[in-house]
Amino acid sequence: MSELATKILRQTAASLSAFPANNLTALTYKALLTRDSQVYEQALAELPVFLEPEKLKEQEKENALKVEREKALLKNPQMRLVAATFVDFPVAKLLMNLPDYNATIHVVKLYAHSIVVVLSSDKVQELFAFLRSHGADCVDLALVPNLKEKGAFVSDMDSTMVTCECIDRIASLCGIEEQVAAITEEAMQGKLDFAASLRQRVALLKGVNVQDFDTIIATLPYTVGASELLKALNSKEWQTALVSGGFIPFAQAVSQELGFSEFHANTLGQDQGVLTGVVEGAIVDADYKAQIVDKYQQQGLTTIAIGDGANDIAMLKAADFSVAYHAKPVVNEVADFIIQHNDLYALLAILEIKAWLL
């Protein structure tokens, strides 16, 4: 991030932090984050009761008012705790529009590449539409897994952990990148059968020298925040799987670079170091990816899945928490968290804010 961008980020965070946030008790946060009825009851029971508010001193009246607002949050069945992540945001417009969504700011935190604002609102979808229209990515925090619990993270590779499609880069070696990229795009949108389109594209790569893969691997553009996200997950002893509809040499390199526990990808047929134009063995398609998620769930682990194309939909639906990363519209429709404005720091930030609040 440039020096100017960092300055803007800090100025935005400072502007929001200056707004008088309505901090909540730990039990109220826990109630809103877990939606556990018993925790709601405990949170309400622990809040003080002011029998004669008219006799209170000025400071005591402010505290009493704060408590009453907190009780109102807990008693409103539509109230949700949400997080919005962004780098730059028209702060004045946000603050001015909060009443339109019955929204209140509770926490503002600055992470490496993004700001996280925690708000309560009982008009969540309307609030999300407003926030997204101004460059924020947002999520209902009750849906976000707790990093303190055991879990597994399953990720797509192309256009998710790296910002390119590796098959298109292979195609560039023989001058057919545009032709292959066009098929890739249609497959990602769900307009083509993935397995059939993969075989069609691989057939066009016949004759490519496998040694040339080294140049592609050496220049792979990793997604901003990918390394930090994996470090955080590994530090919490989460299982991590890279599950790619691409190919083993690239998935192996990305897996090793980022620190995934395991990787799965397709095998390109080759003869004496030259591609034969066929895919060997089972294809890592949508069902295959979903089976990896299911494998972890059978172990009692909470699962997060992230991807961007139609081949990822099945695993996103199977996961406990699904993330669409700069994805096709058809993928956004099934995701719990849509990242369309920020990088992978956004996912790391909402995972860490959830764990911090609990």
Protein backbone atom coordinates (compact mmCIF):
# COMPACT_ATOMS: atom_id res chain seq x y z
CA MET A 1 0.00 0.00 0.00
CA SER A 2 1.37 3.44 -0.94
CA GLU A 3 2.18 6.10 1.63
CA LEU A 4 -0.77 8.20 0.42
CA ALA A 5 -3.19 5.27 0.65
CA THR A 6 -1.98 4.48 4.17
CA LYS A 7 -2.49 8.12 5.17
CA ILE A 8 -6.05 8.10 3.80
CA LEU A 9 -6.76 4.84 5.61
CA ARG A 10 -5.58 6.22 8.94
CA GLN A 11 -7.46 9.49 8.46
CA THR A 12 -10.68 7.60 7.72
CA ALA A 13 -10.23 5.40 10.78
CA ALA A 14 -9.51 8.46 12.95
CA SER A 15 -12.65 10.20 11.68
CA LEU A 16 -14.79 7.20 12.55
CA SER A 17 -13.10 6.67 15.91
CA ALA A 18 -13.90 10.26 16.84
CA PHE A 19 -17.61 9.44 16.52
CA PRO A 20 -18.99 8.54 19.97
CA ALA A 21 -19.37 4.78 19.71
CA ASN A 22 -21.95 3.00 21.81
CA ASN A 23 -19.86 0.24 23.37
CA LEU A 24 -21.71 -2.82 24.65
CA THR A 25 -21.08 -5.27 27.48
CA ALA A 26 -19.26 -8.51 26.74
CA LEU A 27 -22.44 -10.53 27.30
CA THR A 28 -24.43 -8.35 24.89
CA TYR A 29 -21.79 -8.84 22.20
CA LYS A 30 -21.88 -12.58 22.87
CA ALA A 31 -25.69 -12.66 22.64
CA LEU A 32 -25.76 -10.82 19.33
CA LEU A 33 -22.91 -12.92 17.92
CA THR A 34 -24.21 -16.33 18.99
CA ARG A 35 -27.97 -15.66 18.98
CA ASP A 36 -28.24 -17.95 21.97
CA SER A 37 -31.50 -17.28 23.86
CA GLN A 38 -29.93 -18.11 27.23
CA VAL A 39 -27.12 -15.62 26.64
CA TYR A 40 -29.71 -12.97 25.73
CA GLU A 41 -31.43 -13.58 29.07
CA GLN A 42 -28.13 -13.43 30.96
CA ALA A 43 -27.13 -10.21 29.22
CA LEU A 44 -30.43 -8.54 30.09
CA ALA A 45 -30.30 -9.76 33.68
CA GLU A 46 -26.81 -8.31 34.23
CA LEU A 47 -27.70 -4.83 33.01
CA PRO A 48 -28.55 -2.47 35.89
CA VAL A 49 -32.06 -1.26 36.62
CA PHE A 50 -32.62 2.45 37.35
CA LEU A 51 -35.75 2.76 39.51
CA GLU A 52 -35.87 6.55 39.76
CA PRO A 53 -34.09 7.90 36.67
CA GLU A 54 -35.41 11.46 37.31
CA LYS A 55 -33.28 11.64 40.46
CA LEU A 56 -30.05 10.71 38.73
CA LYS A 57 -27.19 13.13 38.22
CA GLU A 58 -26.29 14.19 34.67
CA GLN A 59 -23.54 11.59 34.21
CA GLU A 60 -25.72 8.90 35.74
CA LYS A 61 -28.55 9.85 33.36
CA GLU A 62 -26.21 9.35 30.39
CA ASN A 63 -25.25 5.92 31.72
CA ALA A 64 -28.90 5.04 32.28
CA LEU A 65 -29.76 6.06 28.73
CA LYS A 66 -26.91 3.93 27.40
CA VAL A 67 -28.18 0.93 29.37
CA GLU A 68 -31.70 1.41 28.03
CA ARG A 69 -30.38 1.52 24.46
CA GLU A 70 -28.48 -1.70 25.10
CA LYS A 71 -31.62 -3.36 26.49
CA ALA A 72 -33.53 -2.24 23.40
CA LEU A 73 -30.92 -3.94 21.19
CA LEU A 74 -31.28 -7.20 23.09
CA LYS A 75 -35.08 -7.09 23.03
CA ASN A 76 -35.26 -6.45 19.26
CA PRO A 77 -35.39 -9.87 17.52
CA GLN A 78 -34.42 -8.27 14.18
CA MET A 79 -31.27 -6.63 15.53
CA ARG A 80 -28.00 -7.93 14.08
CA LEU A 81 -24.34 -7.16 14.63
CA VAL A 82 -22.57 -6.60 11.32
CA ALA A 83 -19.05 -5.75 10.21
CA ALA A 84 -18.10 -3.53 7.29
CA THR A 85 -14.56 -3.51 5.88
CA PHE A 86 -13.18 -0.82 3.62
CA VAL A 87 -10.09 1.20 2.78
CA ASP A 88 -11.76 4.53 2.02
CA PHE A 89 -15.33 5.58 2.71
CA PRO A 90 -17.27 8.88 2.71
CA VAL A 91 -17.35 9.05 6.51
CA ALA A 92 -19.67 12.05 6.71
CA LYS A 93 -22.20 10.30 4.50
CA LEU A 94 -22.00 7.14 6.60
CA LEU A 95 -22.63 8.99 9.85
CA MET A 96 -25.42 11.05 8.32
CA ASN A 97 -27.21 7.96 7.01
CA LEU A 98 -26.95 5.74 10.12
CA PRO A 99 -30.47 6.69 11.36
CA ASP A 100 -31.98 5.54 8.04
CA TYR A 101 -30.97 1.98 8.93
CA ASN A 102 -31.47 2.23 12.70
CA ALA A 103 -27.72 1.61 12.84
CA THR A 104 -25.25 2.35 15.62
CA ILE A 105 -21.44 2.17 15.49
CA HIS A 106 -19.93 0.09 18.30
CA VAL A 107 -16.33 -0.65 17.31
CA VAL A 108 -13.79 0.81 14.87
CA LYS A 109 -10.52 -1.06 14.35
CA LEU A 110 -7.69 -0.50 11.90
CA TYR A 111 -6.14 -3.61 10.37
CA ALA A 112 -3.19 -3.84 8.00
CA HIS A 113 -4.98 -2.86 4.80
CA SER A 114 -8.50 -2.15 5.92
CA ILE A 115 -10.79 -0.58 8.49
CA VAL A 116 -13.42 -2.66 10.24
CA VAL A 117 -16.52 -1.01 11.64
CA VAL A 118 -18.91 -3.04 13.80
CA LEU A 119 -22.48 -1.79 13.73
CA SER A 120 -25.87 -2.94 14.96
CA SER A 121 -28.94 -2.63 12.74
CA ASP A 122 -32.36 -4.19 12.27
CA LYS A 123 -32.38 -3.24 8.56
CA VAL A 124 -29.40 -5.34 7.54
CA GLN A 125 -30.06 -5.86 3.84
CA GLU A 126 -30.79 -2.18 3.28
CA LEU A 127 -27.67 -1.25 5.26
CA PHE A 128 -25.57 -3.71 3.25
CA ALA A 129 -26.82 -2.23 -0.04
CA PHE A 130 -25.83 1.25 1.14
CA LEU A 131 -22.40 0.15 2.40
CA ARG A 132 -21.59 -1.84 -0.74
CA SER A 133 -22.58 1.05 -2.99
CA HIS A 134 -19.86 3.10 -1.27
CA GLY A 135 -17.03 0.57 -1.43
CA ALA A 136 -17.48 -1.50 1.72
CA ASP A 137 -17.70 -5.29 2.04
CA CYS A 138 -20.02 -6.37 4.83
CA VAL A 139 -21.22 -9.43 6.70
CA ASP A 140 -23.54 -10.54 9.48
CA LEU A 141 -21.03 -11.36 12.24
CA ALA A 142 -23.22 -14.14 13.67
CA LEU A 143 -22.42 -16.13 10.52
CA VAL A 144 -18.65 -15.73 10.86
CA PRO A 145 -16.80 -18.68 12.48
CA ASN A 146 -14.83 -18.25 15.67
CA LEU A 147 -11.10 -18.68 15.04
CA LYS A 148 -10.71 -19.90 18.62
CA GLU A 149 -12.61 -23.07 17.69
CA LYS A 150 -11.29 -25.92 15.55
CA GLY A 151 -11.87 -25.44 11.86
CA ALA A 152 -10.86 -25.99 8.25
CA PHE A 153 -10.34 -23.50 5.44
CA VAL A 154 -10.90 -24.72 1.86
CA SER A 155 -9.87 -22.41 -0.96
CA ASP A 156 -9.92 -22.19 -4.71
CA MET A 157 -6.62 -21.12 -6.26
CA ASP A 158 -6.98 -19.21 -9.54
CA SER A 159 -8.33 -15.66 -9.14
CA THR A 160 -8.56 -16.31 -5.39
CA MET A 161 -5.17 -17.09 -3.86
CA VAL A 162 -3.47 -15.83 -7.01
CA THR A 163 -4.89 -13.07 -9.19
CA CYS A 164 -4.57 -14.91 -12.50
CA GLU A 165 -5.89 -18.02 -14.23
CA CYS A 166 -2.89 -20.33 -14.61
CA ILE A 167 -4.34 -22.15 -17.62
CA ASP A 168 -4.54 -18.84 -19.47
CA ARG A 169 -0.86 -18.25 -18.73
CA ILE A 170 0.02 -21.68 -20.10
CA ALA A 171 -1.97 -20.78 -23.21
CA SER A 172 0.12 -17.63 -23.62
CA LEU A 173 3.14 -19.87 -24.17
CA CYS A 174 1.67 -20.99 -27.48
CA GLY A 175 -0.10 -17.78 -28.47
CA ILE A 176 -3.70 -18.87 -27.77
CA GLU A 177 -4.32 -17.05 -24.50
CA GLU A 178 -7.38 -15.15 -25.76
CA GLN A 179 -8.99 -18.30 -27.13
CA VAL A 180 -8.48 -20.24 -23.89
CA ALA A 181 -9.38 -17.27 -21.69
CA ALA A 182 -12.74 -16.93 -23.45
CA ILE A 183 -13.58 -20.56 -22.61
CA THR A 184 -12.33 -20.09 -19.03
CA GLU A 185 -14.60 -17.08 -18.56
CA GLU A 186 -17.69 -18.93 -19.76
CA ALA A 187 -16.89 -21.91 -17.52
CA MET A 188 -16.45 -19.62 -14.49
CA GLN A 189 -19.83 -18.06 -15.17
CA GLY A 190 -21.40 -21.51 -15.22
CA LYS A 191 -22.30 -21.35 -18.92
CA LEU A 192 -20.22 -24.44 -19.76
CA ASP A 193 -19.77 -27.81 -18.09
CA PHE A 194 -16.54 -27.49 -16.16
CA ALA A 195 -15.05 -30.92 -16.93
CA ALA A 196 -15.88 -30.70 -20.63
CA SER A 197 -14.52 -27.16 -20.91
CA LEU A 198 -11.34 -28.17 -19.07
CA ARG A 199 -10.69 -31.02 -21.49
CA GLN A 200 -11.40 -28.65 -24.40
CA ARG A 201 -8.87 -26.12 -23.13
CA VAL A 202 -6.22 -28.71 -22.25
CA ALA A 203 -6.49 -30.21 -25.74
CA LEU A 204 -5.45 -26.82 -27.12
CA LEU A 205 -2.29 -26.93 -24.98
CA LYS A 206 -0.88 -30.03 -26.64
CA GLY A 207 2.81 -29.62 -27.38
CA VAL A 208 3.63 -27.10 -24.61
CA ASN A 209 6.99 -27.77 -22.95
CA VAL A 210 6.45 -28.50 -19.23
CA GLN A 211 9.78 -26.84 -18.39
CA ASP A 212 8.21 -23.53 -19.34
CA PHE A 213 5.93 -23.82 -16.29
CA ASP A 214 8.85 -22.71 -14.13
CA THR A 215 8.69 -19.19 -15.58
CA ILE A 216 4.94 -18.95 -14.88
CA ILE A 217 5.35 -20.25 -11.33
CA ALA A 218 8.18 -17.82 -10.59
CA THR A 219 6.00 -14.85 -11.57
CA LEU A 220 2.64 -15.89 -10.07
CA PRO A 221 0.85 -12.79 -8.70
CA TYR A 222 -0.30 -13.68 -5.19
CA THR A 223 -3.42 -12.01 -3.87
CA VAL A 224 -2.78 -9.27 -1.31
CA GLY A 225 -3.45 -10.65 2.16
CA ALA A 226 -3.27 -14.33 1.15
CA SER A 227 -0.03 -15.00 3.01
CA GLU A 228 -1.19 -13.19 6.16
CA LEU A 229 -4.54 -15.00 6.10
CA LEU A 230 -2.88 -18.42 5.94
CA LYS A 231 -0.39 -17.49 8.68
CA ALA A 232 -3.28 -16.52 10.95
CA LEU A 233 -5.22 -19.72 10.23
CA ASN A 234 -2.14 -21.88 10.76
CA SER A 235 -1.36 -20.10 14.04
CA LYS A 236 -4.83 -21.15 15.25
CA GLU A 237 -4.10 -24.72 14.10
CA TRP A 238 -6.82 -24.70 11.45
CA GLN A 239 -6.63 -27.24 8.65
CA THR A 240 -6.14 -25.58 5.26
CA ALA A 241 -6.75 -27.11 1.83
CA LEU A 242 -6.07 -25.61 -1.59
CA VAL A 243 -8.54 -27.25 -3.97
CA SER A 244 -7.98 -26.17 -7.56
CA GLY A 245 -9.62 -26.94 -10.86
CA GLY A 246 -6.20 -26.05 -12.26
CA PHE A 247 -3.07 -28.16 -12.32
CA ILE A 248 -0.71 -29.83 -9.87
CA PRO A 249 2.57 -27.95 -10.59
CA PHE A 250 0.93 -24.60 -9.87
CA ALA A 251 -1.21 -25.77 -6.94
CA GLN A 252 1.83 -27.40 -5.36
CA ALA A 253 3.86 -24.20 -5.67
CA VAL A 254 1.07 -21.99 -4.30
CA SER A 255 0.36 -24.44 -1.48
CA GLN A 256 4.00 -24.47 -0.41
CA GLU A 257 4.40 -20.71 -0.72
CA LEU A 258 1.31 -19.90 1.36
CA GLY A 259 1.50 -22.80 3.82
CA PHE A 260 -1.58 -24.89 3.04
CA SER A 261 -1.90 -28.22 4.85
CA GLU A 262 -2.80 -30.03 1.62
CA PHE A 263 -3.61 -29.36 -2.02
CA HIS A 264 -5.71 -30.98 -4.74
CA ALA A 265 -5.52 -30.28 -8.48
CA ASN A 266 -5.68 -31.90 -11.90
CA THR A 267 -2.93 -33.93 -13.60
CA LEU A 268 -1.80 -32.82 -17.03
CA GLY A 269 -0.78 -35.69 -19.30
CA GLN A 270 2.75 -35.40 -20.60
CA ASP A 271 5.21 -37.41 -22.66
CA GLN A 272 8.92 -36.70 -22.43
CA GLY A 273 8.29 -33.29 -20.91
CA VAL A 274 5.67 -32.20 -23.44
CA LEU A 275 1.92 -31.89 -22.81
CA THR A 276 -0.19 -34.55 -24.52
CA GLY A 277 -3.36 -32.45 -24.46
CA VAL A 278 -5.29 -34.67 -22.04
CA VAL A 279 -6.22 -34.53 -18.36
CA GLU A 280 -5.30 -37.72 -16.53
CA GLY A 281 -7.26 -39.18 -13.63
CA ALA A 282 -10.21 -37.72 -11.77
CA ILE A 283 -11.04 -34.09 -12.49
CA VAL A 284 -11.25 -31.66 -9.57
CA ASP A 285 -14.74 -30.41 -10.35
CA ALA A 286 -17.49 -28.92 -8.20
CA ASP A 287 -18.41 -32.24 -6.59
CA TYR A 288 -14.79 -33.01 -5.78
CA LYS A 289 -14.38 -29.66 -4.04
CA ALA A 290 -17.58 -30.15 -2.03
CA GLN A 291 -16.32 -33.58 -0.91
CA ILE A 292 -13.21 -31.97 0.59
CA VAL A 293 -15.43 -29.65 2.65
CA ASP A 294 -17.57 -32.61 3.70
CA LYS A 295 -14.45 -34.55 4.74
CA TYR A 296 -13.56 -31.84 7.25
CA GLN A 297 -17.12 -31.55 8.50
CA GLN A 298 -17.14 -35.28 9.18
CA GLN A 299 -14.20 -34.58 11.51
CA GLY A 300 -16.34 -32.12 13.46
CA LEU A 301 -14.55 -29.04 12.10
CA THR A 302 -16.20 -25.73 11.28
CA THR A 303 -15.57 -25.03 7.60
CA ILE A 304 -14.88 -21.91 5.57
CA ALA A 305 -14.84 -22.10 1.77
CA ILE A 306 -13.77 -19.35 -0.61
CA GLY A 307 -13.88 -19.12 -4.39
CA ASP A 308 -14.84 -17.03 -7.39
CA GLY A 309 -16.26 -19.27 -10.13
CA ALA A 310 -19.20 -21.58 -10.82
CA ASN A 311 -16.99 -24.59 -10.07
CA ASP A 312 -16.83 -23.34 -6.45
CA ILE A 313 -20.58 -23.08 -5.83
CA ALA A 314 -21.05 -26.62 -4.50
CA MET A 315 -18.30 -26.27 -1.90
CA LEU A 316 -19.55 -22.83 -0.87
CA LYS A 317 -23.01 -24.28 -0.31
CA ALA A 318 -21.52 -27.16 1.67
CA ALA A 319 -19.38 -24.98 3.95
CA ASP A 320 -20.49 -23.49 7.26
CA PHE A 321 -19.30 -20.08 6.10
CA SER A 322 -18.91 -19.21 2.41
CA VAL A 323 -16.92 -16.38 0.86
CA ALA A 324 -17.19 -15.11 -2.71
CA TYR A 325 -13.98 -13.36 -3.70
CA HIS A 326 -14.33 -10.89 -6.61
CA ALA A 327 -16.64 -13.54 -7.96
CA LYS A 328 -19.12 -14.03 -10.75
CA PRO A 329 -22.70 -12.95 -9.92
CA VAL A 330 -23.86 -16.58 -9.80
CA VAL A 331 -21.32 -17.21 -7.02
CA ASN A 332 -22.26 -14.11 -5.03
CA GLU A 333 -25.81 -15.44 -4.79
CA VAL A 334 -24.76 -18.33 -2.52
CA ALA A 335 -22.12 -16.58 -0.37
CA ASP A 336 -22.37 -15.43 3.24
CA PHE A 337 -19.62 -12.85 2.71
CA ILE A 338 -19.07 -11.13 -0.63
CA ILE A 339 -15.68 -9.48 -1.06
CA GLN A 340 -15.88 -7.28 -4.12
CA HIS A 341 -14.07 -4.08 -3.09
CA ASN A 342 -11.21 -5.27 -0.85
CA ASP A 343 -8.47 -7.91 -0.83
CA LEU A 344 -8.04 -10.95 1.43
CA TYR A 345 -7.21 -8.73 4.40
CA ALA A 346 -10.98 -8.18 4.55
CA LEU A 347 -11.59 -11.86 5.37
CA LEU A 348 -8.77 -11.90 7.91
CA ALA A 349 -10.14 -8.74 9.52
CA ILE A 350 -13.69 -10.04 10.02
CA LEU A 351 -12.39 -13.36 11.39
CA GLU A 352 -10.18 -11.53 13.88
CA ILE A 353 -12.86 -9.03 14.92
CA LYS A 354 -15.30 -11.89 15.63
CA ALA A 355 -12.71 -13.71 17.77
CA TRP A 356 -11.81 -10.45 19.54
CA LEU A 357 -15.44 -9.64 20.39
CA LEU A 358 -15.98 -13.11 21.84
